[in-house]
Amino acid sequence: MLVITHRINTIIDCDQILVLDAGQVPEHDTPEELLSKEESAFVKMVQSTGPANAQYLHSWVFGCEAGKLGREETKRLDGIKRN
């Protein structure tokens, strides 16, 4: 399935993410790998969504660590936010 969106929250749990910039592909990898690269364009996009949402997206990808919510809990909360 191919998902095209401007909302990072929509694609954060996809298997692979392809970042486009002016018709070029600067990055293509899993959300985990992209978020692990501090200088990546994807990290900058995630950070631009604001500190609270960036933390939410990190917790979604990496699960429960350092007091963050786990994947199941964030799925439940995400469902609540969308309703």
N, C-alpha and C. Protein backbone atom coordinates (compact mmCIF):
# COMPACT_ATOMS: atom_id res chain seq x y z
N MET A 1 0.84 -1.16 0.00
CA MET A 1 0.00 0.00 0.00
C MET A 1 0.90 1.23 0.00
N LEU A 2 0.55 2.20 -0.74
CA LEU A 2 1.27 3.47 -0.81
C LEU A 2 0.40 4.54 -0.18
N VAL A 3 0.94 5.24 0.80
CA VAL A 3 0.23 6.32 1.47
C VAL A 3 0.98 7.62 1.21
N ILE A 4 0.27 8.60 0.68
CA ILE A 4 0.87 9.91 0.43
C ILE A 4 0.16 10.90 1.35
N THR A 5 0.95 11.59 2.16
CA THR A 5 0.34 12.48 3.15
C THR A 5 1.29 13.59 3.55
N HIS A 6 0.74 14.61 4.16
CA HIS A 6 1.54 15.68 4.74
C HIS A 6 1.56 15.55 6.26
N ARG A 7 0.79 14.61 6.79
CA ARG A 7 0.70 14.40 8.25
C ARG A 7 1.60 13.25 8.67
N ILE A 8 2.60 13.53 9.47
CA ILE A 8 3.52 12.50 9.93
C ILE A 8 2.80 11.48 10.79
N ASN A 9 1.83 11.92 11.59
CA ASN A 9 1.09 10.98 12.44
C ASN A 9 0.41 9.89 11.63
N THR A 10 0.07 10.17 10.38
CA THR A 10 -0.60 9.21 9.53
C THR A 10 0.32 8.08 9.10
N ILE A 11 1.61 8.36 8.95
CA ILE A 11 2.53 7.37 8.39
C ILE A 11 3.56 6.83 9.38
N ILE A 12 3.52 7.30 10.62
CA ILE A 12 4.57 6.95 11.57
C ILE A 12 4.66 5.45 11.85
N ASP A 13 3.58 4.71 11.67
CA ASP A 13 3.64 3.26 11.93
C ASP A 13 3.74 2.43 10.66
N CYS A 14 4.09 3.08 9.54
CA CYS A 14 4.31 2.34 8.29
C CYS A 14 5.64 1.58 8.35
N ASP A 15 5.78 0.56 7.52
CA ASP A 15 7.01 -0.22 7.48
C ASP A 15 8.19 0.57 6.92
N GLN A 16 7.95 1.35 5.91
CA GLN A 16 8.99 2.15 5.26
C GLN A 16 8.45 3.55 5.01
N ILE A 17 9.34 4.53 5.10
CA ILE A 17 8.97 5.92 4.82
C ILE A 17 9.93 6.45 3.76
N LEU A 18 9.37 7.04 2.72
CA LEU A 18 10.14 7.67 1.66
C LEU A 18 9.89 9.16 1.75
N VAL A 19 10.92 9.92 1.99
CA VAL A 19 10.81 11.38 2.13
C VAL A 19 11.09 12.01 0.78
N LEU A 20 10.19 12.88 0.35
CA LEU A 20 10.38 13.62 -0.90
C LEU A 20 10.67 15.09 -0.59
N ASP A 21 11.59 15.67 -1.34
CA ASP A 21 11.91 17.08 -1.21
C ASP A 21 12.17 17.62 -2.60
N ALA A 22 11.26 18.45 -3.10
CA ALA A 22 11.36 19.04 -4.43
C ALA A 22 11.57 17.97 -5.51
N GLY A 23 10.83 16.88 -5.38
CA GLY A 23 10.89 15.82 -6.37
C GLY A 23 12.05 14.85 -6.20
N GLN A 24 12.90 15.08 -5.22
CA GLN A 24 14.05 14.22 -4.95
C GLN A 24 13.76 13.37 -3.70
N VAL A 25 14.44 12.23 -3.59
CA VAL A 25 14.28 11.34 -2.44
C VAL A 25 15.56 11.42 -1.59
N PRO A 26 15.57 12.30 -0.58
CA PRO A 26 16.76 12.39 0.27
C PRO A 26 16.90 11.23 1.26
N GLU A 27 15.76 10.59 1.60
CA GLU A 27 15.79 9.51 2.60
C GLU A 27 14.71 8.49 2.31
N HIS A 28 15.03 7.25 2.66
CA HIS A 28 14.08 6.15 2.56
C HIS A 28 14.54 5.07 3.52
N ASP A 29 13.72 4.78 4.53
CA ASP A 29 14.09 3.77 5.51
C ASP A 29 12.91 3.52 6.44
N THR A 30 13.14 2.72 7.46
CA THR A 30 12.10 2.47 8.46
C THR A 30 11.98 3.69 9.37
N PRO A 31 10.84 3.87 10.03
CA PRO A 31 10.72 4.99 10.96
C PRO A 31 11.80 4.95 12.05
N GLU A 32 12.12 3.75 12.53
CA GLU A 32 13.15 3.62 13.57
C GLU A 32 14.50 4.14 13.09
N GLU A 33 14.89 3.74 11.89
CA GLU A 33 16.18 4.17 11.34
C GLU A 33 16.20 5.67 11.07
N LEU A 34 15.12 6.19 10.49
CA LEU A 34 15.07 7.62 10.19
C LEU A 34 15.13 8.46 11.46
N LEU A 35 14.41 8.04 12.51
CA LEU A 35 14.42 8.79 13.76
C LEU A 35 15.72 8.64 14.53
N SER A 36 16.50 7.63 14.20
CA SER A 36 17.79 7.41 14.87
C SER A 36 18.89 8.30 14.31
N LYS A 37 18.65 8.88 13.14
CA LYS A 37 19.65 9.75 12.49
C LYS A 37 19.32 11.20 12.84
N GLU A 38 20.07 11.73 13.77
CA GLU A 38 19.79 13.05 14.34
C GLU A 38 19.67 14.17 13.30
N GLU A 39 20.44 14.10 12.25
CA GLU A 39 20.44 15.16 11.23
C GLU A 39 19.54 14.86 10.03
N SER A 40 18.72 13.84 10.13
CA SER A 40 17.88 13.48 8.98
C SER A 40 16.77 14.50 8.75
N ALA A 41 16.34 14.58 7.52
CA ALA A 41 15.22 15.47 7.17
C ALA A 41 13.96 15.03 7.89
N PHE A 42 13.79 13.72 8.07
CA PHE A 42 12.60 13.21 8.75
C PHE A 42 12.58 13.66 10.21
N VAL A 43 13.73 13.60 10.89
CA VAL A 43 13.80 14.06 12.28
C VAL A 43 13.42 15.54 12.35
N LYS A 44 13.90 16.32 11.42
CA LYS A 44 13.56 17.75 11.40
C LYS A 44 12.07 17.96 11.19
N MET A 45 11.46 17.14 10.35
CA MET A 45 10.01 17.23 10.14
C MET A 45 9.26 16.89 11.42
N VAL A 46 9.69 15.81 12.09
CA VAL A 46 9.05 15.39 13.35
C VAL A 46 9.19 16.50 14.38
N GLN A 47 10.37 17.08 14.52
CA GLN A 47 10.60 18.15 15.49
C GLN A 47 9.75 19.38 15.18
N SER A 48 9.48 19.63 13.91
CA SER A 48 8.69 20.80 13.53
C SER A 48 7.22 20.68 13.92
N THR A 49 6.79 19.48 14.33
CA THR A 49 5.40 19.31 14.75
C THR A 49 5.18 19.76 16.19
N GLY A 50 6.27 20.13 16.88
CA GLY A 50 6.17 20.59 18.26
C GLY A 50 6.69 19.55 19.23
N PRO A 51 7.17 19.99 20.40
CA PRO A 51 7.79 19.07 21.35
C PRO A 51 6.88 17.94 21.82
N ALA A 52 5.63 18.25 22.13
CA ALA A 52 4.72 17.21 22.64
C ALA A 52 4.43 16.17 21.57
N ASN A 53 4.15 16.60 20.36
CA ASN A 53 3.85 15.64 19.30
C ASN A 53 5.10 14.87 18.90
N ALA A 54 6.27 15.52 18.90
CA ALA A 54 7.52 14.82 18.58
C ALA A 54 7.78 13.70 19.59
N GLN A 55 7.54 13.98 20.87
CA GLN A 55 7.71 12.94 21.89
C GLN A 55 6.70 11.82 21.68
N TYR A 56 5.48 12.17 21.36
CA TYR A 56 4.44 11.18 21.07
C TYR A 56 4.86 10.28 19.90
N LEU A 57 5.37 10.86 18.83
CA LEU A 57 5.80 10.09 17.67
C LEU A 57 6.98 9.19 18.00
N HIS A 58 7.92 9.69 18.78
CA HIS A 58 9.06 8.85 19.21
C HIS A 58 8.56 7.68 20.05
N SER A 59 7.63 7.94 20.96
CA SER A 59 7.13 6.86 21.81
C SER A 59 6.35 5.84 20.98
N TRP A 60 5.70 6.30 19.93
CA TRP A 60 4.97 5.38 19.04
C TRP A 60 5.96 4.43 18.36
N VAL A 61 7.05 4.97 17.87
CA VAL A 61 8.03 4.19 17.12
C VAL A 61 8.87 3.29 18.03
N PHE A 62 9.37 3.84 19.12
CA PHE A 62 10.31 3.10 19.94
C PHE A 62 9.67 2.39 21.12
N GLY A 63 8.38 2.58 21.34
CA GLY A 63 7.71 1.90 22.44
C GLY A 63 8.04 2.53 23.77
N CYS A 64 7.80 1.77 24.80
CA CYS A 64 7.95 2.26 26.17
C CYS A 64 9.41 2.27 26.58
N GLU A 65 9.98 3.44 26.74
CA GLU A 65 11.33 3.60 27.25
C GLU A 65 11.43 4.95 27.92
N ALA A 66 12.15 5.00 28.99
CA ALA A 66 12.38 6.24 29.74
C ALA A 66 11.07 6.94 30.10
N GLY A 67 10.07 6.16 30.52
CA GLY A 67 8.82 6.74 30.98
C GLY A 67 7.85 7.12 29.88
N LYS A 68 8.18 6.83 28.63
CA LYS A 68 7.28 7.15 27.52
C LYS A 68 6.20 6.09 27.42
N LEU A 69 5.13 6.41 26.75
CA LEU A 69 4.05 5.46 26.54
C LEU A 69 4.47 4.37 25.59
N GLY A 70 3.93 3.18 25.78
CA GLY A 70 4.17 2.07 24.87
C GLY A 70 3.31 2.16 23.63
N ARG A 71 3.60 1.32 22.64
CA ARG A 71 2.90 1.34 21.37
C ARG A 71 1.40 1.10 21.53
N GLU A 72 1.01 0.14 22.37
CA GLU A 72 -0.42 -0.14 22.55
C GLU A 72 -1.14 1.04 23.19
N GLU A 73 -0.51 1.66 24.18
CA GLU A 73 -1.11 2.82 24.83
C GLU A 73 -1.22 4.00 23.87
N THR A 74 -0.21 4.23 23.06
CA THR A 74 -0.28 5.34 22.12
C THR A 74 -1.33 5.08 21.04
N LYS A 75 -1.50 3.81 20.65
CA LYS A 75 -2.57 3.49 19.69
C LYS A 75 -3.93 3.84 20.27
N ARG A 76 -4.11 3.50 21.56
CA ARG A 76 -5.38 3.78 22.22
C ARG A 76 -5.60 5.30 22.29
N LEU A 77 -4.56 6.04 22.69
CA LEU A 77 -4.68 7.49 22.79
C LEU A 77 -4.88 8.12 21.42
N ASP A 78 -4.20 7.61 20.40
CA ASP A 78 -4.36 8.14 19.06
C ASP A 78 -5.80 7.97 18.59
N GLY A 79 -6.40 6.83 18.90
CA GLY A 79 -7.80 6.59 18.55
C GLY A 79 -8.72 7.59 19.23
N ILE A 80 -8.40 7.92 20.47
CA ILE A 80 -9.21 8.89 21.22
C ILE A 80 -9.06 10.27 20.60
N LYS A 81 -7.83 10.67 20.24
CA LYS A 81 -7.58 11.99 19.67
C LYS A 81 -8.30 12.18 18.34
N ARG A 82 -8.41 11.11 17.57
CA ARG A 82 -9.03 11.22 16.24
C ARG A 82 -10.54 11.26 16.30
N ASN A 83 -11.13 10.78 17.39
CA ASN A 83 -12.61 10.78 17.52
C ASN A 83 -13.16 12.13 17.89
